[in-house]
N, C-alpha and C. Protein backbone atom coordinates (compact mmCIF):
# COMPACT_ATOMS: atom_id res chain seq x y z
N MET A 1 11.52 -25.33 -6.75
CA MET A 1 12.40 -24.56 -5.91
C MET A 1 11.56 -23.51 -5.14
N ASN A 2 11.73 -23.45 -3.83
CA ASN A 2 10.90 -22.52 -3.05
C ASN A 2 11.47 -21.12 -3.06
N PRO A 3 10.65 -20.09 -2.73
CA PRO A 3 11.07 -18.67 -2.82
C PRO A 3 12.34 -18.37 -1.98
N GLN A 4 12.54 -19.05 -0.82
CA GLN A 4 13.72 -18.75 -0.01
C GLN A 4 15.00 -19.18 -0.75
N ASP A 5 14.92 -20.36 -1.40
CA ASP A 5 16.11 -20.82 -2.19
C ASP A 5 16.43 -19.87 -3.34
N ILE A 6 15.33 -19.42 -4.04
CA ILE A 6 15.53 -18.46 -5.12
C ILE A 6 16.18 -17.17 -4.63
N ALA A 7 15.67 -16.67 -3.47
CA ALA A 7 16.17 -15.43 -2.93
C ALA A 7 17.67 -15.59 -2.55
N HIS A 8 18.04 -16.72 -1.99
CA HIS A 8 19.42 -16.95 -1.59
C HIS A 8 20.34 -16.98 -2.83
N LEU A 9 19.91 -17.69 -3.87
CA LEU A 9 20.71 -17.72 -5.10
C LEU A 9 20.85 -16.36 -5.75
N ILE A 10 19.78 -15.57 -5.70
CA ILE A 10 19.86 -14.20 -6.29
C ILE A 10 20.84 -13.36 -5.51
N ILE A 11 20.82 -13.46 -4.17
CA ILE A 11 21.76 -12.66 -3.37
C ILE A 11 23.21 -13.07 -3.68
N VAL A 12 23.47 -14.36 -3.82
CA VAL A 12 24.83 -14.84 -4.03
C VAL A 12 25.34 -14.51 -5.44
N TYR A 13 24.48 -14.76 -6.47
CA TYR A 13 24.92 -14.63 -7.85
C TYR A 13 24.39 -13.35 -8.58
N ARG A 14 23.54 -12.63 -7.81
CA ARG A 14 22.96 -11.39 -8.31
C ARG A 14 22.32 -11.50 -9.69
N TYR A 15 22.74 -10.64 -10.59
CA TYR A 15 22.08 -10.58 -11.92
C TYR A 15 22.36 -11.77 -12.78
N TRP A 16 23.46 -12.49 -12.56
CA TRP A 16 23.75 -13.70 -13.38
C TRP A 16 22.71 -14.76 -13.20
N ILE A 17 22.19 -14.88 -11.99
CA ILE A 17 21.17 -15.89 -11.75
C ILE A 17 19.75 -15.34 -11.91
N LEU A 18 19.61 -14.01 -11.76
CA LEU A 18 18.29 -13.35 -11.88
C LEU A 18 17.76 -13.53 -13.26
N VAL A 19 18.60 -13.42 -14.30
CA VAL A 19 18.16 -13.52 -15.69
C VAL A 19 17.49 -14.88 -16.00
N PRO A 20 18.19 -16.00 -15.73
CA PRO A 20 17.50 -17.30 -16.04
C PRO A 20 16.28 -17.53 -15.18
N PHE A 21 16.33 -17.12 -13.91
CA PHE A 21 15.13 -17.30 -13.06
C PHE A 21 13.95 -16.47 -13.60
N ALA A 22 14.27 -15.25 -14.08
CA ALA A 22 13.21 -14.40 -14.61
C ALA A 22 12.53 -15.02 -15.84
N ILE A 23 13.36 -15.70 -16.66
CA ILE A 23 12.82 -16.35 -17.81
C ILE A 23 11.90 -17.52 -17.47
N ILE A 24 12.36 -18.27 -16.47
CA ILE A 24 11.58 -19.49 -16.04
C ILE A 24 10.32 -19.10 -15.30
N GLU A 25 10.40 -18.24 -14.31
CA GLU A 25 9.23 -17.86 -13.47
C GLU A 25 9.28 -16.35 -13.18
N GLY A 26 8.80 -15.58 -14.11
CA GLY A 26 8.89 -14.12 -14.06
C GLY A 26 8.20 -13.51 -12.82
N PRO A 27 6.90 -13.78 -12.58
CA PRO A 27 6.19 -13.08 -11.51
C PRO A 27 6.77 -13.23 -10.13
N ILE A 28 7.01 -14.44 -9.72
CA ILE A 28 7.57 -14.69 -8.38
C ILE A 28 8.96 -14.12 -8.21
N VAL A 29 9.75 -14.26 -9.26
CA VAL A 29 11.12 -13.71 -9.23
C VAL A 29 11.09 -12.18 -9.20
N ALA A 30 10.15 -11.58 -9.89
CA ALA A 30 10.03 -10.12 -9.87
C ALA A 30 9.74 -9.63 -8.45
N PHE A 31 8.82 -10.28 -7.76
CA PHE A 31 8.50 -9.89 -6.42
C PHE A 31 9.74 -10.05 -5.49
N ILE A 32 10.38 -11.21 -5.60
CA ILE A 32 11.57 -11.44 -4.77
C ILE A 32 12.67 -10.40 -5.09
N ALA A 33 12.89 -10.09 -6.38
CA ALA A 33 13.88 -9.09 -6.79
C ALA A 33 13.54 -7.75 -6.19
N GLY A 34 12.24 -7.42 -6.19
CA GLY A 34 11.86 -6.13 -5.61
C GLY A 34 12.14 -6.10 -4.13
N THR A 35 11.89 -7.20 -3.42
CA THR A 35 12.16 -7.29 -1.99
C THR A 35 13.69 -7.13 -1.74
N LEU A 36 14.46 -7.82 -2.55
CA LEU A 36 15.93 -7.77 -2.40
C LEU A 36 16.46 -6.38 -2.71
N ALA A 37 15.79 -5.69 -3.66
CA ALA A 37 16.20 -4.30 -3.97
C ALA A 37 15.94 -3.39 -2.75
N SER A 38 14.88 -3.67 -2.02
CA SER A 38 14.59 -2.84 -0.86
C SER A 38 15.64 -3.07 0.27
N LEU A 39 16.27 -4.25 0.23
CA LEU A 39 17.32 -4.55 1.18
C LEU A 39 18.67 -4.01 0.77
N GLY A 40 18.75 -3.50 -0.47
CA GLY A 40 20.01 -2.98 -0.98
C GLY A 40 20.90 -4.02 -1.62
N ASP A 41 20.38 -5.26 -1.78
CA ASP A 41 21.22 -6.31 -2.38
C ASP A 41 21.35 -6.21 -3.90
N ILE A 42 20.32 -5.64 -4.53
CA ILE A 42 20.38 -5.38 -6.00
C ILE A 42 19.77 -4.05 -6.27
N ASN A 43 20.06 -3.49 -7.43
CA ASN A 43 19.57 -2.17 -7.83
C ASN A 43 18.17 -2.23 -8.35
N LEU A 44 17.27 -1.41 -7.79
CA LEU A 44 15.87 -1.39 -8.19
C LEU A 44 15.72 -1.06 -9.69
N TYR A 45 16.46 -0.08 -10.16
CA TYR A 45 16.29 0.37 -11.55
C TYR A 45 16.80 -0.70 -12.54
N VAL A 46 17.87 -1.39 -12.16
CA VAL A 46 18.36 -2.48 -13.02
C VAL A 46 17.31 -3.57 -13.09
N VAL A 47 16.67 -3.89 -11.95
CA VAL A 47 15.64 -4.92 -11.89
C VAL A 47 14.44 -4.52 -12.74
N LEU A 48 14.00 -3.28 -12.63
CA LEU A 48 12.87 -2.79 -13.47
C LEU A 48 13.18 -2.94 -14.91
N PHE A 49 14.38 -2.51 -15.32
CA PHE A 49 14.80 -2.60 -16.73
C PHE A 49 14.90 -4.05 -17.17
N LEU A 50 15.48 -4.91 -16.32
CA LEU A 50 15.68 -6.33 -16.64
C LEU A 50 14.34 -7.04 -16.94
N PHE A 51 13.34 -6.80 -16.09
CA PHE A 51 12.07 -7.45 -16.29
C PHE A 51 11.30 -6.90 -17.48
N PHE A 52 11.44 -5.59 -17.72
CA PHE A 52 10.82 -5.03 -18.90
C PHE A 52 11.41 -5.61 -20.16
N ALA A 53 12.76 -5.66 -20.21
CA ALA A 53 13.46 -6.21 -21.38
C ALA A 53 13.14 -7.71 -21.50
N ARG A 54 13.05 -8.46 -20.42
CA ARG A 54 12.74 -9.90 -20.44
C ARG A 54 11.37 -10.08 -21.10
N ASP A 55 10.41 -9.25 -20.74
CA ASP A 55 9.10 -9.46 -21.24
C ASP A 55 9.02 -9.09 -22.73
N MET A 56 9.70 -8.06 -23.14
CA MET A 56 9.73 -7.68 -24.55
C MET A 56 10.43 -8.73 -25.42
N ILE A 57 11.53 -9.31 -24.90
CA ILE A 57 12.26 -10.34 -25.64
C ILE A 57 11.41 -11.62 -25.75
N MET A 58 10.76 -12.02 -24.66
CA MET A 58 9.95 -13.21 -24.70
C MET A 58 8.75 -13.01 -25.64
N ASP A 59 8.15 -11.85 -25.58
CA ASP A 59 7.02 -11.56 -26.47
C ASP A 59 7.49 -11.61 -27.94
N GLY A 60 8.64 -11.00 -28.24
CA GLY A 60 9.16 -11.06 -29.59
C GLY A 60 9.46 -12.48 -30.08
N PHE A 61 10.02 -13.32 -29.15
CA PHE A 61 10.28 -14.71 -29.52
C PHE A 61 9.00 -15.42 -29.86
N TRP A 62 7.98 -15.34 -29.00
CA TRP A 62 6.77 -16.10 -29.25
C TRP A 62 5.97 -15.53 -30.46
N TYR A 63 6.05 -14.23 -30.64
CA TYR A 63 5.47 -13.63 -31.80
C TYR A 63 6.10 -14.21 -33.09
N GLY A 64 7.45 -14.27 -33.08
CA GLY A 64 8.17 -14.82 -34.21
C GLY A 64 7.84 -16.26 -34.49
N VAL A 65 7.62 -17.04 -33.40
CA VAL A 65 7.25 -18.46 -33.59
C VAL A 65 5.93 -18.52 -34.32
N GLY A 66 4.96 -17.71 -33.97
CA GLY A 66 3.67 -17.69 -34.65
C GLY A 66 3.76 -17.15 -36.04
N HIS A 67 4.54 -16.11 -36.21
CA HIS A 67 4.63 -15.44 -37.50
C HIS A 67 5.33 -16.31 -38.56
N PHE A 68 6.46 -16.92 -38.16
CA PHE A 68 7.22 -17.66 -39.15
C PHE A 68 6.94 -19.19 -39.16
N GLY A 69 6.32 -19.66 -38.10
CA GLY A 69 6.07 -21.14 -38.02
C GLY A 69 4.58 -21.47 -38.00
N TRP A 70 3.75 -20.62 -38.52
CA TRP A 70 2.32 -20.81 -38.33
C TRP A 70 1.75 -22.08 -38.95
N LYS A 71 2.52 -22.70 -39.85
CA LYS A 71 2.04 -23.98 -40.43
C LYS A 71 2.64 -25.20 -39.73
N SER A 72 3.53 -24.97 -38.77
CA SER A 72 4.20 -26.11 -38.09
C SER A 72 3.24 -26.79 -37.09
N ALA A 73 3.57 -28.04 -36.78
CA ALA A 73 2.76 -28.82 -35.84
C ALA A 73 2.85 -28.18 -34.45
N PHE A 74 4.01 -27.64 -34.09
CA PHE A 74 4.15 -27.03 -32.77
C PHE A 74 3.17 -25.84 -32.62
N VAL A 75 3.12 -24.96 -33.61
CA VAL A 75 2.21 -23.82 -33.55
C VAL A 75 0.78 -24.28 -33.53
N LYS A 76 0.45 -25.27 -34.29
CA LYS A 76 -0.92 -25.77 -34.28
C LYS A 76 -1.34 -26.32 -32.88
N ARG A 77 -0.37 -26.93 -32.22
CA ARG A 77 -0.63 -27.38 -30.81
C ARG A 77 -0.85 -26.19 -29.92
N MET A 78 -0.07 -25.15 -30.10
CA MET A 78 -0.21 -23.91 -29.29
C MET A 78 -1.60 -23.28 -29.55
N LEU A 79 -1.98 -23.28 -30.80
CA LEU A 79 -3.29 -22.67 -31.16
C LEU A 79 -4.44 -23.49 -30.56
N GLN A 80 -4.24 -24.78 -30.44
CA GLN A 80 -5.30 -25.66 -29.87
C GLN A 80 -5.57 -25.32 -28.41
N LYS A 81 -4.53 -24.77 -27.68
CA LYS A 81 -4.76 -24.37 -26.28
C LYS A 81 -5.86 -23.33 -26.22
N LEU A 82 -5.98 -22.54 -27.24
CA LEU A 82 -7.02 -21.45 -27.29
C LEU A 82 -8.19 -21.85 -28.16
N ASN A 83 -8.21 -23.11 -28.63
CA ASN A 83 -9.28 -23.58 -29.56
C ASN A 83 -9.34 -22.63 -30.76
N VAL A 84 -8.19 -22.28 -31.32
CA VAL A 84 -8.13 -21.43 -32.49
C VAL A 84 -7.60 -22.23 -33.67
N ASN A 85 -8.29 -22.07 -34.82
CA ASN A 85 -7.80 -22.65 -36.04
C ASN A 85 -7.87 -21.57 -37.14
N GLU A 86 -7.50 -21.90 -38.35
CA GLU A 86 -7.45 -20.91 -39.40
C GLU A 86 -8.80 -20.17 -39.64
N SER A 87 -9.91 -20.88 -39.37
CA SER A 87 -11.19 -20.21 -39.57
C SER A 87 -11.44 -19.08 -38.56
N HIS A 88 -10.68 -19.03 -37.50
CA HIS A 88 -10.82 -18.01 -36.47
C HIS A 88 -9.90 -16.80 -36.69
N PHE A 89 -8.97 -16.91 -37.64
CA PHE A 89 -7.96 -15.86 -37.76
C PHE A 89 -8.56 -14.46 -38.04
N GLU A 90 -9.59 -14.38 -38.79
CA GLU A 90 -10.17 -13.09 -39.08
C GLU A 90 -10.83 -12.47 -37.86
N GLU A 91 -11.44 -13.32 -37.01
CA GLU A 91 -12.02 -12.83 -35.74
C GLU A 91 -10.96 -12.30 -34.84
N VAL A 92 -9.80 -12.99 -34.80
CA VAL A 92 -8.69 -12.55 -33.95
C VAL A 92 -8.18 -11.19 -34.48
N ARG A 93 -8.05 -11.08 -35.79
CA ARG A 93 -7.57 -9.75 -36.37
C ARG A 93 -8.49 -8.65 -35.98
N ILE A 94 -9.79 -8.91 -36.03
CA ILE A 94 -10.79 -7.89 -35.65
C ILE A 94 -10.67 -7.52 -34.17
N LEU A 95 -10.46 -8.50 -33.33
CA LEU A 95 -10.23 -8.23 -31.87
C LEU A 95 -9.06 -7.29 -31.70
N TRP A 96 -7.98 -7.56 -32.42
CA TRP A 96 -6.77 -6.73 -32.32
C TRP A 96 -7.03 -5.31 -32.88
N GLU A 97 -7.80 -5.22 -33.89
CA GLU A 97 -8.03 -3.91 -34.49
C GLU A 97 -8.97 -3.07 -33.59
N GLU A 98 -10.00 -3.69 -33.08
CA GLU A 98 -11.02 -2.91 -32.36
C GLU A 98 -10.70 -2.76 -30.85
N HIS A 99 -10.01 -3.72 -30.26
CA HIS A 99 -9.73 -3.68 -28.84
C HIS A 99 -8.31 -4.10 -28.50
N PRO A 100 -7.31 -3.43 -28.99
CA PRO A 100 -5.92 -3.88 -28.83
C PRO A 100 -5.47 -3.89 -27.38
N ALA A 101 -5.78 -2.89 -26.59
CA ALA A 101 -5.31 -2.86 -25.19
C ALA A 101 -5.95 -3.97 -24.38
N LYS A 102 -7.27 -4.11 -24.49
CA LYS A 102 -8.00 -5.19 -23.76
C LYS A 102 -7.53 -6.54 -24.21
N THR A 103 -7.33 -6.75 -25.49
CA THR A 103 -6.89 -8.04 -26.00
C THR A 103 -5.55 -8.42 -25.46
N MET A 104 -4.59 -7.48 -25.49
CA MET A 104 -3.26 -7.72 -24.99
C MET A 104 -3.28 -7.97 -23.47
N PHE A 105 -4.00 -7.15 -22.74
CA PHE A 105 -4.05 -7.32 -21.30
C PHE A 105 -4.62 -8.64 -20.88
N ILE A 106 -5.78 -9.00 -21.43
CA ILE A 106 -6.42 -10.29 -21.07
C ILE A 106 -5.53 -11.45 -21.52
N GLY A 107 -5.01 -11.40 -22.70
CA GLY A 107 -4.19 -12.50 -23.27
C GLY A 107 -2.94 -12.73 -22.45
N LYS A 108 -2.18 -11.62 -22.15
CA LYS A 108 -0.89 -11.77 -21.48
C LYS A 108 -1.04 -12.13 -20.02
N LEU A 109 -2.14 -11.76 -19.41
CA LEU A 109 -2.29 -12.04 -17.96
C LEU A 109 -3.13 -13.26 -17.72
N SER A 110 -3.55 -13.97 -18.73
CA SER A 110 -4.35 -15.20 -18.59
C SER A 110 -3.42 -16.35 -18.21
N TYR A 111 -3.64 -16.91 -17.05
CA TYR A 111 -2.77 -17.93 -16.54
C TYR A 111 -2.71 -19.15 -17.48
N GLY A 112 -1.48 -19.53 -17.87
CA GLY A 112 -1.25 -20.75 -18.63
C GLY A 112 -1.41 -20.64 -20.14
N ILE A 113 -1.90 -19.50 -20.61
CA ILE A 113 -2.09 -19.39 -22.10
C ILE A 113 -1.40 -18.16 -22.67
N ALA A 114 -0.64 -17.44 -21.91
CA ALA A 114 -0.01 -16.20 -22.43
C ALA A 114 0.88 -16.49 -23.63
N ALA A 115 1.71 -17.54 -23.59
CA ALA A 115 2.60 -17.84 -24.74
C ALA A 115 1.76 -18.19 -25.94
N ALA A 116 0.76 -19.00 -25.79
CA ALA A 116 -0.13 -19.40 -26.87
C ALA A 116 -0.83 -18.18 -27.47
N PHE A 117 -1.25 -17.25 -26.63
CA PHE A 117 -1.90 -16.04 -27.06
C PHE A 117 -0.98 -15.21 -27.96
N ILE A 118 0.28 -15.13 -27.52
CA ILE A 118 1.27 -14.33 -28.32
C ILE A 118 1.55 -15.01 -29.62
N VAL A 119 1.61 -16.34 -29.60
CA VAL A 119 1.79 -17.08 -30.89
C VAL A 119 0.65 -16.78 -31.85
N VAL A 120 -0.59 -16.69 -31.33
CA VAL A 120 -1.73 -16.39 -32.17
C VAL A 120 -1.55 -15.00 -32.76
N ALA A 121 -1.11 -14.03 -31.97
CA ALA A 121 -0.88 -12.65 -32.47
C ALA A 121 0.10 -12.67 -33.62
N GLY A 122 1.17 -13.46 -33.52
CA GLY A 122 2.14 -13.58 -34.63
C GLY A 122 1.55 -14.31 -35.83
N THR A 123 0.72 -15.30 -35.58
CA THR A 123 0.11 -16.06 -36.67
C THR A 123 -0.84 -15.19 -37.49
N VAL A 124 -1.60 -14.31 -36.85
CA VAL A 124 -2.50 -13.44 -37.61
C VAL A 124 -1.84 -12.14 -38.08
N ARG A 125 -0.57 -12.01 -37.84
CA ARG A 125 0.22 -10.87 -38.32
C ARG A 125 -0.26 -9.52 -37.77
N VAL A 126 -0.46 -9.49 -36.43
CA VAL A 126 -0.79 -8.21 -35.79
C VAL A 126 0.41 -7.28 -36.09
N SER A 127 0.17 -5.98 -36.34
CA SER A 127 1.26 -5.10 -36.63
C SER A 127 2.24 -5.06 -35.47
N LEU A 128 3.50 -5.05 -35.79
CA LEU A 128 4.59 -5.06 -34.73
C LEU A 128 4.48 -3.85 -33.83
N ARG A 129 4.22 -2.72 -34.46
CA ARG A 129 4.13 -1.50 -33.65
C ARG A 129 3.04 -1.60 -32.61
N LYS A 130 1.87 -2.03 -33.04
CA LYS A 130 0.75 -2.19 -32.13
C LYS A 130 1.06 -3.24 -31.09
N PHE A 131 1.58 -4.38 -31.53
CA PHE A 131 1.90 -5.48 -30.62
C PHE A 131 2.84 -5.10 -29.54
N PHE A 132 3.95 -4.48 -29.91
CA PHE A 132 4.96 -4.11 -28.90
C PHE A 132 4.55 -2.92 -28.06
N SER A 133 3.75 -2.00 -28.63
CA SER A 133 3.31 -0.87 -27.84
C SER A 133 2.42 -1.31 -26.70
N TYR A 134 1.42 -2.18 -26.99
CA TYR A 134 0.54 -2.64 -25.95
C TYR A 134 1.22 -3.71 -25.08
N GLY A 135 2.12 -4.46 -25.65
CA GLY A 135 2.91 -5.41 -24.82
C GLY A 135 3.74 -4.67 -23.81
N ALA A 136 4.35 -3.54 -24.19
CA ALA A 136 5.16 -2.76 -23.25
C ALA A 136 4.29 -2.20 -22.15
N LEU A 137 3.08 -1.77 -22.50
CA LEU A 137 2.19 -1.22 -21.48
C LEU A 137 1.83 -2.32 -20.44
N VAL A 138 1.49 -3.49 -20.94
CA VAL A 138 1.15 -4.60 -20.02
C VAL A 138 2.37 -5.02 -19.16
N ALA A 139 3.55 -5.04 -19.76
CA ALA A 139 4.79 -5.38 -19.02
C ALA A 139 5.02 -4.40 -17.90
N ILE A 140 4.82 -3.12 -18.20
CA ILE A 140 5.02 -2.10 -17.18
C ILE A 140 4.06 -2.26 -16.03
N VAL A 141 2.77 -2.50 -16.37
CA VAL A 141 1.72 -2.69 -15.34
C VAL A 141 2.05 -3.93 -14.55
N GLN A 142 2.27 -5.03 -15.21
CA GLN A 142 2.47 -6.32 -14.52
C GLN A 142 3.74 -6.35 -13.68
N TYR A 143 4.89 -6.18 -14.29
CA TYR A 143 6.13 -6.38 -13.60
C TYR A 143 6.51 -5.20 -12.67
N PHE A 144 6.21 -4.00 -13.08
CA PHE A 144 6.54 -2.88 -12.18
C PHE A 144 5.69 -2.97 -10.93
N THR A 145 4.42 -3.42 -11.08
CA THR A 145 3.56 -3.59 -9.84
C THR A 145 4.16 -4.65 -8.95
N LEU A 146 4.56 -5.81 -9.50
CA LEU A 146 5.10 -6.88 -8.67
C LEU A 146 6.43 -6.46 -8.03
N ILE A 147 7.29 -5.83 -8.80
CA ILE A 147 8.58 -5.36 -8.23
C ILE A 147 8.37 -4.32 -7.14
N LEU A 148 7.54 -3.40 -7.38
CA LEU A 148 7.29 -2.33 -6.39
C LEU A 148 6.57 -2.89 -5.17
N LEU A 149 5.68 -3.87 -5.36
CA LEU A 149 5.05 -4.56 -4.19
C LEU A 149 6.14 -5.25 -3.36
N GLY A 150 7.07 -5.95 -4.03
CA GLY A 150 8.18 -6.54 -3.33
C GLY A 150 9.05 -5.57 -2.63
N TYR A 151 9.26 -4.42 -3.26
CA TYR A 151 10.13 -3.36 -2.70
C TYR A 151 9.44 -2.83 -1.40
N PHE A 152 8.16 -2.49 -1.50
CA PHE A 152 7.45 -1.98 -0.31
C PHE A 152 7.25 -3.06 0.76
N PHE A 153 7.16 -4.29 0.33
CA PHE A 153 7.10 -5.43 1.26
C PHE A 153 8.36 -5.50 2.07
N GLY A 154 9.50 -5.40 1.40
CA GLY A 154 10.79 -5.43 2.12
C GLY A 154 10.92 -4.25 3.07
N ASN A 155 10.53 -3.05 2.64
CA ASN A 155 10.61 -1.87 3.47
C ASN A 155 9.66 -1.95 4.69
N ALA A 156 8.57 -2.69 4.55
CA ALA A 156 7.60 -2.82 5.63
C ALA A 156 8.24 -3.51 6.84
N PHE A 157 9.31 -4.30 6.57
CA PHE A 157 10.02 -4.98 7.64
C PHE A 157 11.34 -4.29 7.95
N GLY A 158 11.37 -3.00 7.73
CA GLY A 158 12.54 -2.24 8.09
C GLY A 158 13.60 -2.17 7.04
N GLY A 159 13.37 -2.76 5.88
CA GLY A 159 14.38 -2.73 4.79
C GLY A 159 15.66 -3.44 5.11
N THR A 160 15.57 -4.45 5.99
CA THR A 160 16.72 -5.26 6.35
C THR A 160 16.35 -6.71 6.37
N LEU A 161 17.33 -7.55 6.06
CA LEU A 161 17.12 -9.00 6.09
C LEU A 161 16.78 -9.44 7.50
N THR A 162 17.41 -8.80 8.46
CA THR A 162 17.12 -9.14 9.89
C THR A 162 15.70 -8.86 10.21
N GLY A 163 15.17 -7.71 9.75
CA GLY A 163 13.75 -7.39 9.98
C GLY A 163 12.83 -8.44 9.40
N ILE A 164 13.16 -8.93 8.20
CA ILE A 164 12.32 -9.97 7.60
C ILE A 164 12.43 -11.26 8.37
N VAL A 165 13.65 -11.68 8.73
CA VAL A 165 13.89 -12.92 9.47
C VAL A 165 13.17 -12.87 10.84
N ASP A 166 13.31 -11.72 11.56
CA ASP A 166 12.71 -11.59 12.88
C ASP A 166 11.18 -11.68 12.81
N ASN A 167 10.62 -11.35 11.67
CA ASN A 167 9.17 -11.39 11.51
C ASN A 167 8.78 -12.35 10.41
N ILE A 168 9.50 -13.47 10.34
CA ILE A 168 9.36 -14.43 9.22
C ILE A 168 7.91 -14.91 9.02
N GLN A 169 7.20 -15.13 10.16
CA GLN A 169 5.85 -15.63 9.99
C GLN A 169 4.95 -14.61 9.29
N TYR A 170 5.17 -13.30 9.59
CA TYR A 170 4.38 -12.28 8.91
C TYR A 170 4.89 -12.08 7.49
N ALA A 171 6.19 -12.22 7.31
CA ALA A 171 6.76 -12.12 5.93
C ALA A 171 6.17 -13.21 5.01
N ILE A 172 6.18 -14.44 5.53
CA ILE A 172 5.62 -15.55 4.75
C ILE A 172 4.14 -15.37 4.50
N ALA A 173 3.39 -14.96 5.49
CA ALA A 173 1.95 -14.75 5.34
C ALA A 173 1.68 -13.64 4.32
N GLY A 174 2.44 -12.57 4.41
CA GLY A 174 2.29 -11.46 3.47
C GLY A 174 2.64 -11.86 2.05
N ALA A 175 3.72 -12.57 1.88
CA ALA A 175 4.17 -13.00 0.54
C ALA A 175 3.11 -14.01 -0.01
N ALA A 176 2.65 -14.90 0.84
CA ALA A 176 1.63 -15.88 0.32
C ALA A 176 0.37 -15.21 -0.08
N THR A 177 -0.04 -14.17 0.68
CA THR A 177 -1.25 -13.38 0.29
C THR A 177 -1.05 -12.70 -1.03
N ILE A 178 0.08 -12.08 -1.23
CA ILE A 178 0.36 -11.40 -2.49
C ILE A 178 0.36 -12.37 -3.64
N PHE A 179 1.12 -13.47 -3.51
CA PHE A 179 1.20 -14.47 -4.61
C PHE A 179 -0.17 -15.09 -4.90
N SER A 180 -0.94 -15.43 -3.83
CA SER A 180 -2.24 -15.98 -4.04
C SER A 180 -3.17 -15.03 -4.77
N SER A 181 -3.13 -13.80 -4.35
CA SER A 181 -3.99 -12.76 -4.98
C SER A 181 -3.60 -12.61 -6.44
N TYR A 182 -2.32 -12.57 -6.74
CA TYR A 182 -1.85 -12.40 -8.13
C TYR A 182 -2.32 -13.55 -9.00
N TYR A 183 -2.16 -14.81 -8.51
CA TYR A 183 -2.56 -15.95 -9.32
C TYR A 183 -4.09 -16.10 -9.42
N LEU A 184 -4.85 -15.73 -8.39
CA LEU A 184 -6.30 -15.74 -8.46
C LEU A 184 -6.77 -14.71 -9.52
N ILE A 185 -6.12 -13.56 -9.56
CA ILE A 185 -6.49 -12.55 -10.55
C ILE A 185 -6.23 -13.10 -11.97
N ARG A 186 -5.06 -13.78 -12.12
CA ARG A 186 -4.74 -14.35 -13.43
C ARG A 186 -5.74 -15.46 -13.81
N TRP A 187 -6.15 -16.30 -12.86
CA TRP A 187 -7.13 -17.34 -13.17
C TRP A 187 -8.46 -16.71 -13.54
N TYR A 188 -8.85 -15.65 -12.79
CA TYR A 188 -10.09 -14.95 -13.12
C TYR A 188 -10.07 -14.37 -14.52
N ILE A 189 -8.96 -13.75 -14.89
CA ILE A 189 -8.84 -13.19 -16.24
C ILE A 189 -8.92 -14.30 -17.27
N ARG A 190 -8.30 -15.40 -17.00
CA ARG A 190 -8.38 -16.53 -17.97
C ARG A 190 -9.78 -17.02 -18.09
N SER A 191 -10.55 -17.03 -16.97
CA SER A 191 -11.96 -17.53 -17.09
C SER A 191 -12.81 -16.62 -17.96
N LYS A 192 -12.40 -15.34 -18.12
CA LYS A 192 -13.11 -14.42 -18.99
C LYS A 192 -12.68 -14.53 -20.44
N PHE A 193 -11.57 -15.24 -20.71
CA PHE A 193 -11.06 -15.38 -22.04
C PHE A 193 -11.97 -16.32 -22.79
N PRO A 194 -12.47 -15.97 -23.97
CA PRO A 194 -13.38 -16.88 -24.67
C PRO A 194 -12.72 -18.20 -25.04
N THR A 195 -13.48 -19.31 -24.85
CA THR A 195 -12.88 -20.62 -25.19
C THR A 195 -12.77 -20.75 -26.68
N LYS A 196 -13.60 -20.09 -27.40
CA LYS A 196 -13.51 -20.06 -28.87
C LYS A 196 -13.57 -18.62 -29.27
N LEU A 197 -12.58 -18.20 -30.11
CA LEU A 197 -12.59 -16.85 -30.58
C LEU A 197 -13.54 -16.64 -31.72
């Protein structure tokens, strides 16, 4: 589904459709929601809260999968994405103890492995307080940045849908630049993630 279709559905159904879209594809939807907030179609503060809550709930879910299902075949497949097995658990615990902010930031923003990373955190029993504290910090940095970029992007075109439509070629080029930059940064962060912990 392309960003224009997502934006149209969000305008029509507002928060009812925003929630499932946020779960499926958080970053793109966060940017679009920020843009729509600048147009007055949805409330900026509700969007900020929604994406923060979405990230905390998803983190809690994946942490629980690792914590309670660490012996299951599903979790073992998730751990294989990071080349982690039981012999690496102590190294992962040390990473969390010595570098919790850096570990959470790199893990959550690494393209394609964020869920597996959180499952590992649950598997090695990272303290919930530490896990959610640093998870909240990363959620604020990631989603608030994307939402506010979308908000300022919408305002750059006069804060109206007409302004965006009249300058659609610039709007598309700007959005493509922002999305490309975001995903390139995520790929770069993943390249820094050790293939074996």
